[in-house]
């Protein structure tokens, strides 16, 4: 399995449905369901290990889980590494090299940072330089990875989210990104504008307000991620099961 195979999945007529997983069990379930690739969920993995989302988890702990997910996988694995788990670009590259060595073929790298629980965006030019630096350093070592550049224009409620997205997409494409990820972009007009502005495959994030799959396909979206939604659904069901067991003393709830 290779990075090139992963790239090809983003240039098909049918958009890639990327199941986001958080452990070996969820990866196996996605694999058995027919997923062609999975992406790790940094949010869920951090929460699972007792950390809040937003790069509060040390990279070595995130890496440990990603390595377990990737080991013996029969499908392609992409890793969500937030903004790289370091402000030092050389350390970010070293983190990515470790992922490549265990078989990870893609990463999500975001221009958003979380400080004191609040998400904001770094300067677009600075993030573009980061993408360029990573690609240059990896190429020098004959290494490759699919960089899905995530922009948080909509998640941070930028006052002119569409225009700022278009500006950032242009810079990230020129810097060498392989794909663009715009979480919470919802409307047909906005999605169409982004697709028409770039050669990069657009990745969207599934929410209750998302457009239907066939409509996203028609608009030219190339990848749809499940995010933390599967885990959130399972957690809600688990809470109800334990409530029945511990409060209602209903043993049957464990088996239904």
Foldseek 3Di string as FASTA:
>chain_A
DALVVVLVLLVDLAAAEEEEDQAQVRLVVCVVVPHQEYEYFQQVNQVVVPHHPFLPDALVSVVVRLLRNLPPDPHAYEYECEQQNDPDLVNSLVSVVSVVVSRHAAYEHEQWGADPRAIDGDDLLVVLVSLLVSVVVQVVVVHHHAYAYEYALVVNVPVCSLVVLLVSVVSNVVSPHQAYEYEPPADLVSLLVNQVSDPHAYEYEDDPRHDDSVSCSVSRHRYYYPHCVVVVVVVVLVVVLVCCCPPVVDPCSVPD
